[in-house]
Amino acid sequence: MAKKKTKPAVKETVVEQVMEQTVETVVAPPKPKVEKQVSKPSWEVKNRTYFLKNNRKPLSYSLKSSNIFWFDEDKGYQRELKYCSNQRTPFVDEMQGDQRLAHIVFRNGVLFVPREDTTLQKLLSKYHPHKDKVYFEHKPQEIAENEVDILELEIEALMVARDLDIEMAEAVMRVEVGSRVSEMSSKELKRDLLLYAKRNPETFLELVNDDNVQLRNFGIKATELNIIKLSSDQRYFMWGSNNRKLMTVPFDEHPYTALAHWFKTDEGMEVYTNIEKRLS
């Protein structure tokens, strides 16, 4: 019998079944853009002017330009300074080659240093031991800022003075002109108050905010009207009617300042109320 042919094994085409796999792709968040901070130059190149202090204006004044020392905090020792016209640094330990010493001379109290001479500018503005003692650098921006602050303080003081009641105005001006304030008319008082606020805005605002000033004025008025009396040795306050002692003035303290403080005590408040009724 003929052998039955068996079919050869058919190689099955293996189809790779790719299982769907969820691949989580980790996406890194974008790095924030770091803005490059532009550092300001440590030294501003500009023309600079220097003046002798106390408004001195000699025909010529020579400032020391050699044998000067400046203590360097970073290095921990004193470094010698010298102004040489052919060097790029005022520090002797950084100089190279010949050293041509130059003079530093103020004319009529003023020294103008052009922007090109940074060596002299740095010596005068940063390192010279006579800075702010013998001379100072003219800084218009700082002067403007100070003037603005002064003007704003002056405006504030004038506005407060304008709205101040007559009693407080009298109390403030009594500190300035003393007992003469009792003889002034209301218009004179207002005028002098505004002028005082304009001339001394800081002091004026301090007085307005000091409650002791009004109490002092209250005590002085009561004394002038003989409601209370101050002893001849300025050691006691007494009732004007019967000389009964009210309080003892502490040693080395102004009588009316002590009286103002005493008015804030329980006993003093009763006396204050009594006097207030008599004044009204």
C-alpha atoms as a PDB file:
ATOM      1  CA  MET A   1       0.000   0.000   0.000  1.00  0.00           C
ATOM      2  CA  ALA A   2       1.210   3.311  -0.829  1.00  0.00           C
ATOM      3  CA  LYS A   3       1.911   5.412   2.156  1.00  0.00           C
ATOM      4  CA  LYS A   4      -0.399   8.247   2.530  1.00  0.00           C
ATOM      5  CA  LYS A   5       1.488  11.387   2.146  1.00  0.00           C
ATOM      6  CA  THR A   6       1.214  13.605   5.084  1.00  0.00           C
ATOM      7  CA  LYS A   7       1.047  17.262   4.455  1.00  0.00           C
ATOM      8  CA  PRO A   8       4.193  18.952   5.527  1.00  0.00           C
ATOM      9  CA  ALA A   9       3.769  21.147   8.567  1.00  0.00           C
ATOM     10  CA  VAL A  10       2.986  24.516   7.356  1.00  0.00           C
ATOM     11  CA  LYS A  11       4.951  27.049   9.164  1.00  0.00           C
ATOM     12  CA  GLU A  12       2.447  29.271  10.591  1.00  0.00           C
ATOM     13  CA  THR A  13       3.198  32.804  10.036  1.00  0.00           C
ATOM     14  CA  VAL A  14       3.536  34.083  13.468  1.00  0.00           C
ATOM     15  CA  VAL A  15       1.913  37.420  13.596  1.00  0.00           C
ATOM     16  CA  GLU A  16       3.227  39.241  16.425  1.00  0.00           C
ATOM     17  CA  GLN A  17       0.323  40.599  18.198  1.00  0.00           C
ATOM     18  CA  VAL A  18       1.398  43.752  19.811  1.00  0.00           C
ATOM     19  CA  MET A  19      -0.594  44.187  22.868  1.00  0.00           C
ATOM     20  CA  GLU A  20      -1.613  47.648  23.394  1.00  0.00           C
ATOM     21  CA  GLN A  21       0.358  48.884  26.246  1.00  0.00           C
ATOM     22  CA  THR A  22      -0.337  52.206  27.706  1.00  0.00           C
ATOM     23  CA  VAL A  23       2.965  53.861  27.894  1.00  0.00           C
ATOM     24  CA  GLU A  24       2.901  56.775  30.154  1.00  0.00           C
ATOM     25  CA  THR A  25       5.239  59.319  28.838  1.00  0.00           C
ATOM     26  CA  VAL A  26       6.437  61.551  31.597  1.00  0.00           C
ATOM     27  CA  VAL A  27       6.747  64.964  30.168  1.00  0.00           C
ATOM     28  CA  ALA A  28       8.933  67.167  32.259  1.00  0.00           C
ATOM     29  CA  PRO A  29       7.393  70.560  32.873  1.00  0.00           C
ATOM     30  CA  PRO A  30       9.079  73.287  30.938  1.00  0.00           C
ATOM     31  CA  LYS A  31      11.764  74.982  32.896  1.00  0.00           C
ATOM     32  CA  PRO A  32      10.806  78.478  33.817  1.00  0.00           C
ATOM     33  CA  LYS A  33      12.727  81.048  31.979  1.00  0.00           C
ATOM     34  CA  VAL A  34      15.220  82.577  34.300  1.00  0.00           C
ATOM     35  CA  GLU A  35      15.542  86.184  33.521  1.00  0.00           C
ATOM     36  CA  LYS A  36      19.074  87.250  33.665  1.00  0.00           C
ATOM     37  CA  GLN A  37      19.414  89.890  36.271  1.00  0.00           C
ATOM     38  CA  VAL A  38      21.486  92.652  34.933  1.00  0.00           C
ATOM     39  CA  SER A  39      23.632  93.715  37.814  1.00  0.00           C
ATOM     40  CA  LYS A  40      24.131  97.394  38.100  1.00  0.00           C
ATOM     41  CA  PRO A  41      27.694  98.492  37.651  1.00  0.00           C
ATOM     42  CA  SER A  42      29.424  99.041  40.943  1.00  0.00           C
ATOM     43  CA  TRP A  43      30.684 102.385  39.731  1.00  0.00           C
ATOM     44  CA  GLU A  44      28.687 104.903  37.724  1.00  0.00           C
ATOM     45  CA  VAL A  45      30.790 106.696  35.172  1.00  0.00           C
ATOM     46  CA  LYS A  46      29.872 110.377  35.281  1.00  0.00           C
ATOM     47  CA  ASN A  47      31.284 113.780  36.038  1.00  0.00           C
ATOM     48  CA  ARG A  48      31.560 114.491  39.753  1.00  0.00           C
ATOM     49  CA  THR A  49      31.966 117.682  41.769  1.00  0.00           C
ATOM     50  CA  TYR A  50      33.349 118.020  45.289  1.00  0.00           C
ATOM     51  CA  PHE A  51      33.033 120.922  47.739  1.00  0.00           C
ATOM     52  CA  LEU A  52      34.917 121.878  50.871  1.00  0.00           C
ATOM     53  CA  LYS A  53      32.728 121.664  53.970  1.00  0.00           C
ATOM     54  CA  ASN A  54      31.426 124.604  55.998  1.00  0.00           C
ATOM     55  CA  ASN A  55      31.137 126.681  52.804  1.00  0.00           C
ATOM     56  CA  ARG A  56      34.876 127.327  52.792  1.00  0.00           C
ATOM     57  CA  LYS A  57      36.175 128.918  49.584  1.00  0.00           C
ATOM     58  CA  PRO A  58      39.936 129.511  49.741  1.00  0.00           C
ATOM     59  CA  LEU A  59      41.702 130.387  46.511  1.00  0.00           C
ATOM     60  CA  SER A  60      43.345 126.960  46.594  1.00  0.00           C
ATOM     61  CA  TYR A  61      43.306 124.025  48.977  1.00  0.00           C
ATOM     62  CA  SER A  62      45.518 120.952  48.540  1.00  0.00           C
ATOM     63  CA  LEU A  63      44.172 117.630  49.719  1.00  0.00           C
ATOM     64  CA  LYS A  64      46.535 114.880  50.745  1.00  0.00           C
ATOM     65  CA  SER A  65      47.254 112.623  47.741  1.00  0.00           C
ATOM     66  CA  SER A  66      49.831 110.173  49.152  1.00  0.00           C
ATOM     67  CA  ASN A  67      50.670 108.330  52.376  1.00  0.00           C
ATOM     68  CA  ILE A  68      46.944 107.641  52.793  1.00  0.00           C
ATOM     69  CA  PHE A  69      45.651 104.376  54.210  1.00  0.00           C
ATOM     70  CA  TRP A  70      42.272 102.678  53.996  1.00  0.00           C
ATOM     71  CA  PHE A  71      41.249  99.587  55.955  1.00  0.00           C
ATOM     72  CA  ASP A  72      40.040  96.843  53.613  1.00  0.00           C
ATOM     73  CA  GLU A  73      37.415  94.734  55.426  1.00  0.00           C
ATOM     74  CA  ASP A  74      37.741  91.854  52.937  1.00  0.00           C
ATOM     75  CA  LYS A  75      41.516  91.613  53.078  1.00  0.00           C
ATOM     76  CA  GLY A  76      41.734  92.448  56.755  1.00  0.00           C
ATOM     77  CA  TYR A  77      44.506  95.041  56.633  1.00  0.00           C
ATOM     78  CA  GLN A  78      45.170  98.654  55.767  1.00  0.00           C
ATOM     79  CA  ARG A  79      46.038  99.384  52.159  1.00  0.00           C
ATOM     80  CA  GLU A  80      48.087 102.330  51.019  1.00  0.00           C
ATOM     81  CA  LEU A  81      46.451 104.829  48.680  1.00  0.00           C
ATOM     82  CA  LYS A  82      48.030 107.262  46.277  1.00  0.00           C
ATOM     83  CA  TYR A  83      46.770 109.402  43.412  1.00  0.00           C
ATOM     84  CA  CYS A  84      48.951 108.867  40.361  1.00  0.00           C
ATOM     85  CA  SER A  85      47.907 110.326  37.015  1.00  0.00           C
ATOM     86  CA  ASN A  86      49.299 107.351  35.054  1.00  0.00           C
ATOM     87  CA  GLN A  87      47.683 104.584  37.114  1.00  0.00           C
ATOM     88  CA  ARG A  88      44.245 102.972  36.855  1.00  0.00           C
ATOM     89  CA  THR A  89      43.886 102.357  40.571  1.00  0.00           C
ATOM     90  CA  PRO A  90      44.429 104.365  43.743  1.00  0.00           C
ATOM     91  CA  PHE A  91      45.783 101.269  45.570  1.00  0.00           C
ATOM     92  CA  VAL A  92      49.578 101.157  45.649  1.00  0.00           C
ATOM     93  CA  ASP A  93      49.666  97.327  45.797  1.00  0.00           C
ATOM     94  CA  GLU A  94      47.792  97.176  42.461  1.00  0.00           C
ATOM     95  CA  MET A  95      49.923  99.720  40.605  1.00  0.00           C
ATOM     96  CA  GLN A  96      52.249  98.739  37.805  1.00  0.00           C
ATOM     97  CA  GLY A  97      55.263 100.554  36.434  1.00  0.00           C
ATOM     98  CA  ASP A  98      56.201 104.127  37.206  1.00  0.00           C
ATOM     99  CA  GLN A  99      54.074 106.143  39.578  1.00  0.00           C
ATOM    100  CA  ARG A 100      53.591 109.785  38.631  1.00  0.00           C
ATOM    101  CA  LEU A 101      52.183 111.422  41.759  1.00  0.00           C
ATOM    102  CA  ALA A 102      49.561 114.117  41.073  1.00  0.00           C
ATOM    103  CA  HIS A 103      48.099 116.858  43.248  1.00  0.00           C
ATOM    104  CA  ILE A 104      44.484 117.167  44.416  1.00  0.00           C
ATOM    105  CA  VAL A 105      43.630 120.867  44.496  1.00  0.00           C
ATOM    106  CA  PHE A 106      40.316 122.609  45.266  1.00  0.00           C
ATOM    107  CA  ARG A 107      39.889 126.013  43.612  1.00  0.00           C
ATOM    108  CA  ASN A 108      37.602 128.431  45.450  1.00  0.00           C
ATOM    109  CA  GLY A 109      36.334 125.505  47.491  1.00  0.00           C
ATOM    110  CA  VAL A 110      35.365 123.404  44.443  1.00  0.00           C
ATOM    111  CA  LEU A 111      36.965 120.453  42.659  1.00  0.00           C
ATOM    112  CA  PHE A 112      35.457 119.218  39.385  1.00  0.00           C
ATOM    113  CA  VAL A 113      36.609 115.732  38.325  1.00  0.00           C
ATOM    114  CA  PRO A 114      35.629 114.630  34.782  1.00  0.00           C
ATOM    115  CA  ARG A 115      34.179 111.182  34.112  1.00  0.00           C
ATOM    116  CA  GLU A 116      37.421 110.023  32.491  1.00  0.00           C
ATOM    117  CA  ASP A 117      39.404 110.338  35.732  1.00  0.00           C
ATOM    118  CA  THR A 118      37.773 107.435  37.592  1.00  0.00           C
ATOM    119  CA  THR A 119      40.905 106.847  39.656  1.00  0.00           C
ATOM    120  CA  LEU A 120      40.646 110.212  41.381  1.00  0.00           C
ATOM    121  CA  GLN A 121      36.871 109.919  41.647  1.00  0.00           C
ATOM    122  CA  LYS A 122      37.071 106.572  43.428  1.00  0.00           C
ATOM    123  CA  LEU A 123      39.775 107.854  45.739  1.00  0.00           C
ATOM    124  CA  LEU A 124      37.655 110.866  46.710  1.00  0.00           C
ATOM    125  CA  SER A 125      34.232 109.192  46.777  1.00  0.00           C
ATOM    126  CA  LYS A 126      35.101 105.892  48.433  1.00  0.00           C
ATOM    127  CA  TYR A 127      38.453 105.730  50.169  1.00  0.00           C
ATOM    128  CA  HIS A 128      39.895 109.095  51.194  1.00  0.00           C
ATOM    129  CA  PRO A 129      39.887 109.536  55.015  1.00  0.00           C
ATOM    130  CA  HIS A 130      38.916 113.229  54.694  1.00  0.00           C
ATOM    131  CA  LYS A 131      35.675 112.425  52.893  1.00  0.00           C
ATOM    132  CA  ASP A 132      32.693 114.070  54.633  1.00  0.00           C
ATOM    133  CA  LYS A 133      35.129 115.629  57.117  1.00  0.00           C
ATOM    134  CA  VAL A 134      37.030 118.139  55.013  1.00  0.00           C
ATOM    135  CA  TYR A 135      35.039 117.872  51.772  1.00  0.00           C
ATOM    136  CA  PHE A 136      31.902 116.189  50.420  1.00  0.00           C
ATOM    137  CA  GLU A 137      30.626 114.983  47.083  1.00  0.00           C
ATOM    138  CA  HIS A 138      27.810 116.954  45.502  1.00  0.00           C
ATOM    139  CA  LYS A 139      24.884 114.552  44.935  1.00  0.00           C
ATOM    140  CA  PRO A 140      21.940 116.354  43.293  1.00  0.00           C
ATOM    141  CA  GLN A 141      19.617 113.337  43.546  1.00  0.00           C
ATOM    142  CA  GLU A 142      20.059 112.982  47.303  1.00  0.00           C
ATOM    143  CA  ILE A 143      19.668 116.734  47.749  1.00  0.00           C
ATOM    144  CA  ALA A 144      16.423 116.646  45.741  1.00  0.00           C
ATOM    145  CA  GLU A 145      15.083 113.741  47.815  1.00  0.00           C
ATOM    146  CA  ASN A 146      15.867 115.569  51.061  1.00  0.00           C
ATOM    147  CA  GLU A 147      14.267 118.763  49.783  1.00  0.00           C
ATOM    148  CA  VAL A 148      11.112 116.876  48.790  1.00  0.00           C
ATOM    149  CA  ASP A 149      10.881 115.339  52.275  1.00  0.00           C
ATOM    150  CA  ILE A 150      11.312 118.762  53.878  1.00  0.00           C
ATOM    151  CA  LEU A 151       8.686 120.347  51.631  1.00  0.00           C
ATOM    152  CA  GLU A 152       6.177 117.571  52.326  1.00  0.00           C
ATOM    153  CA  LEU A 153       6.771 117.934  56.076  1.00  0.00           C
ATOM    154  CA  GLU A 154       6.327 121.687  55.755  1.00  0.00           C
ATOM    155  CA  ILE A 155       3.020 121.256  53.889  1.00  0.00           C
ATOM    156  CA  GLU A 156       1.763 118.824  56.533  1.00  0.00           C
ATOM    157  CA  ALA A 157       2.702 121.217  59.351  1.00  0.00           C
ATOM    158  CA  LEU A 158       0.985 124.166  57.626  1.00  0.00           C
ATOM    159  CA  MET A 159      -2.199 122.166  57.072  1.00  0.00           C
ATOM    160  CA  VAL A 160      -2.266 121.137  60.738  1.00  0.00           C
ATOM    161  CA  ALA A 161      -1.592 124.727  61.819  1.00  0.00           C
ATOM    162  CA  ARG A 162      -4.410 126.020  59.616  1.00  0.00           C
ATOM    163  CA  ASP A 163      -6.976 123.723  61.254  1.00  0.00           C
ATOM    164  CA  LEU A 164      -5.686 124.027  64.827  1.00  0.00           C
ATOM    165  CA  ASP A 165      -8.168 125.358  67.395  1.00  0.00           C
ATOM    166  CA  ILE A 166      -7.309 128.517  69.296  1.00  0.00           C
ATOM    167  CA  GLU A 167      -6.552 126.807  72.605  1.00  0.00           C
ATOM    168  CA  MET A 168      -4.064 124.386  71.098  1.00  0.00           C
ATOM    169  CA  ALA A 169      -2.537 127.178  69.023  1.00  0.00           C
ATOM    170  CA  GLU A 170      -2.019 129.175  72.206  1.00  0.00           C
ATOM    171  CA  ALA A 171      -0.453 126.153  73.915  1.00  0.00           C
ATOM    172  CA  VAL A 172       2.019 125.603  71.073  1.00  0.00           C
ATOM    173  CA  MET A 173       2.959 129.269  70.734  1.00  0.00           C
ATOM    174  CA  ARG A 174       3.437 129.616  74.484  1.00  0.00           C
ATOM    175  CA  VAL A 175       6.371 127.222  74.127  1.00  0.00           C
ATOM    176  CA  GLU A 176       7.820 129.564  71.478  1.00  0.00           C
ATOM    177  CA  VAL A 177       7.070 133.070  72.813  1.00  0.00           C
ATOM    178  CA  GLY A 178       6.234 132.464  76.479  1.00  0.00           C
ATOM    179  CA  SER A 179       3.698 134.562  78.396  1.00  0.00           C
ATOM    180  CA  ARG A 180       3.561 137.164  75.580  1.00  0.00           C
ATOM    181  CA  VAL A 181       1.065 134.861  73.881  1.00  0.00           C
ATOM    182  CA  SER A 182      -1.641 136.083  76.301  1.00  0.00           C
ATOM    183  CA  GLU A 183      -1.396 139.589  74.803  1.00  0.00           C
ATOM    184  CA  MET A 184      -1.707 138.474  71.168  1.00  0.00           C
ATOM    185  CA  SER A 185      -4.894 138.822  69.155  1.00  0.00           C
ATOM    186  CA  SER A 186      -6.320 135.769  67.410  1.00  0.00           C
ATOM    187  CA  LYS A 187      -5.039 136.997  64.024  1.00  0.00           C
ATOM    188  CA  GLU A 188      -1.540 137.584  65.407  1.00  0.00           C
ATOM    189  CA  LEU A 189      -1.608 134.172  67.036  1.00  0.00           C
ATOM    190  CA  LYS A 190      -2.695 132.470  63.799  1.00  0.00           C
ATOM    191  CA  ARG A 191      -0.057 134.309  61.766  1.00  0.00           C
ATOM    192  CA  ASP A 192       2.780 133.452  64.145  1.00  0.00           C
ATOM    193  CA  LEU A 193       1.571 129.864  64.360  1.00  0.00           C
ATOM    194  CA  LEU A 194       1.712 129.438  60.569  1.00  0.00           C
ATOM    195  CA  LEU A 195       5.161 131.041  60.402  1.00  0.00           C
ATOM    196  CA  TYR A 196       6.405 128.797  63.198  1.00  0.00           C
ATOM    197  CA  ALA A 197       5.021 125.712  61.427  1.00  0.00           C
ATOM    198  CA  LYS A 198       6.760 126.758  58.209  1.00  0.00           C
ATOM    199  CA  ARG A 199      10.130 127.434  59.856  1.00  0.00           C
ATOM    200  CA  ASN A 200      10.161 124.439  62.225  1.00  0.00           C
ATOM    201  CA  PRO A 201       7.730 121.847  60.823  1.00  0.00           C
ATOM    202  CA  GLU A 202       9.170 118.877  62.683  1.00  0.00           C
ATOM    203  CA  THR A 203       9.232 120.582  66.086  1.00  0.00           C
ATOM    204  CA  PHE A 204       5.765 122.030  65.491  1.00  0.00           C
ATOM    205  CA  LEU A 205       4.258 118.596  64.748  1.00  0.00           C
ATOM    206  CA  GLU A 206       5.928 117.122  67.827  1.00  0.00           C
ATOM    207  CA  LEU A 207       4.405 119.842  70.017  1.00  0.00           C
ATOM    208  CA  VAL A 208       0.936 119.361  68.504  1.00  0.00           C
ATOM    209  CA  ASN A 209       1.073 115.628  69.229  1.00  0.00           C
ATOM    210  CA  ASP A 210       2.331 116.140  72.790  1.00  0.00           C
ATOM    211  CA  ASP A 211      -0.657 116.251  75.142  1.00  0.00           C
ATOM    212  CA  ASN A 212       1.560 117.652  77.914  1.00  0.00           C
ATOM    213  CA  VAL A 213       1.894 120.904  75.948  1.00  0.00           C
ATOM    214  CA  GLN A 214      -1.812 121.639  76.289  1.00  0.00           C
ATOM    215  CA  LEU A 215      -1.806 120.667  79.967  1.00  0.00           C
ATOM    216  CA  ARG A 216       1.195 122.956  80.588  1.00  0.00           C
ATOM    217  CA  ASN A 217      -0.647 125.813  78.910  1.00  0.00           C
ATOM    218  CA  PHE A 218      -3.732 125.049  80.990  1.00  0.00           C
ATOM    219  CA  GLY A 219      -1.666 125.251  84.187  1.00  0.00           C
ATOM    220  CA  ILE A 220       0.013 128.502  83.129  1.00  0.00           C
ATOM    221  CA  LYS A 221      -3.330 130.140  82.323  1.00  0.00           C
ATOM    222  CA  ALA A 222      -4.706 129.038  85.695  1.00  0.00           C
ATOM    223  CA  THR A 223      -1.667 130.566  87.398  1.00  0.00           C
ATOM    224  CA  GLU A 224      -1.937 133.835  85.440  1.00  0.00           C
ATOM    225  CA  LEU A 225      -5.587 134.125  86.551  1.00  0.00           C
ATOM    226  CA  ASN A 226      -4.534 133.378  90.166  1.00  0.00           C
ATOM    227  CA  ILE A 227      -6.740 130.277  90.354  1.00  0.00           C
ATOM    228  CA  ILE A 228      -3.653 128.388  91.478  1.00  0.00           C
ATOM    229  CA  LYS A 229      -0.299 129.746  92.640  1.00  0.00           C
ATOM    230  CA  LEU A 230       3.312 128.637  92.376  1.00  0.00           C
ATOM    231  CA  SER A 231       5.397 129.217  95.497  1.00  0.00           C
ATOM    232  CA  SER A 232       8.306 131.650  95.278  1.00  0.00           C
ATOM    233  CA  ASP A 233      10.824 128.799  95.531  1.00  0.00           C
ATOM    234  CA  GLN A 234       8.914 126.959  92.760  1.00  0.00           C
ATOM    235  CA  ARG A 235       8.517 123.891  94.952  1.00  0.00           C
ATOM    236  CA  TYR A 236       4.722 123.845  95.476  1.00  0.00           C
ATOM    237  CA  PHE A 237       1.468 124.583  93.683  1.00  0.00           C
ATOM    238  CA  MET A 238      -1.326 125.938  95.894  1.00  0.00           C
ATOM    239  CA  TRP A 239      -4.901 127.136  95.553  1.00  0.00           C
ATOM    240  CA  GLY A 240      -4.932 130.868  94.967  1.00  0.00           C
ATOM    241  CA  SER A 241      -7.833 131.440  97.315  1.00  0.00           C
ATOM    242  CA  ASN A 242      -6.580 129.769 100.503  1.00  0.00           C
ATOM    243  CA  ASN A 243      -2.949 128.742  99.791  1.00  0.00           C
ATOM    244  CA  ARG A 244      -3.780 125.085 100.368  1.00  0.00           C
ATOM    245  CA  LYS A 245      -1.012 122.971  98.860  1.00  0.00           C
ATOM    246  CA  LEU A 246      -2.009 120.951  95.812  1.00  0.00           C
ATOM    247  CA  MET A 247       1.232 119.243  94.845  1.00  0.00           C
ATOM    248  CA  THR A 248       5.002 119.223  95.365  1.00  0.00           C
ATOM    249  CA  VAL A 249       7.241 119.775  92.342  1.00  0.00           C
ATOM    250  CA  PRO A 250       9.827 116.964  92.061  1.00  0.00           C
ATOM    251  CA  PHE A 251      13.457 118.006  92.306  1.00  0.00           C
ATOM    252  CA  ASP A 252      15.105 119.088  88.999  1.00  0.00           C
ATOM    253  CA  GLU A 253      11.799 119.107  87.093  1.00  0.00           C
ATOM    254  CA  HIS A 254      10.162 122.111  85.455  1.00  0.00           C
ATOM    255  CA  PRO A 255       7.170 123.190  87.597  1.00  0.00           C
ATOM    256  CA  TYR A 256       4.622 123.284  84.778  1.00  0.00           C
ATOM    257  CA  THR A 257       5.855 120.030  83.267  1.00  0.00           C
ATOM    258  CA  ALA A 258       5.398 118.418  86.684  1.00  0.00           C
ATOM    259  CA  LEU A 259       1.947 120.008  86.955  1.00  0.00           C
ATOM    260  CA  ALA A 260       0.966 118.624  83.541  1.00  0.00           C
ATOM    261  CA  HIS A 261       1.961 115.120  84.655  1.00  0.00           C
ATOM    262  CA  TRP A 262       0.104 115.567  87.946  1.00  0.00           C
ATOM    263  CA  PHE A 263      -3.109 116.538  86.128  1.00  0.00           C
ATOM    264  CA  LYS A 264      -3.167 112.962  84.734  1.00  0.00           C
ATOM    265  CA  THR A 265      -3.372 111.401  88.207  1.00  0.00           C
ATOM    266  CA  ASP A 266      -6.696 110.742  89.982  1.00  0.00           C
ATOM    267  CA  GLU A 267      -6.212 113.634  92.405  1.00  0.00           C
ATOM    268  CA  GLY A 268      -4.967 115.915  89.653  1.00  0.00           C
ATOM    269  CA  MET A 269      -7.937 115.152  87.397  1.00  0.00           C
ATOM    270  CA  GLU A 270     -10.328 116.414  90.084  1.00  0.00           C
ATOM    271  CA  VAL A 271      -8.373 119.645  90.411  1.00  0.00           C
ATOM    272  CA  TYR A 272      -8.220 119.959  86.604  1.00  0.00           C
ATOM    273  CA  THR A 273     -12.017 119.650  86.377  1.00  0.00           C
ATOM    274  CA  ASN A 274     -12.438 122.260  89.116  1.00  0.00           C
ATOM    275  CA  ILE A 275     -10.111 124.711  87.371  1.00  0.00           C
ATOM    276  CA  GLU A 276     -11.759 124.054  83.995  1.00  0.00           C
ATOM    277  CA  LYS A 277     -15.134 125.093  85.423  1.00  0.00           C
ATOM    278  CA  ARG A 278     -13.636 128.321  86.793  1.00  0.00           C
ATOM    279  CA  LEU A 279     -11.951 129.141  83.478  1.00  0.00           C
ATOM    280  CA  SER A 280     -15.214 128.664  81.594  1.00  0.00           C
END
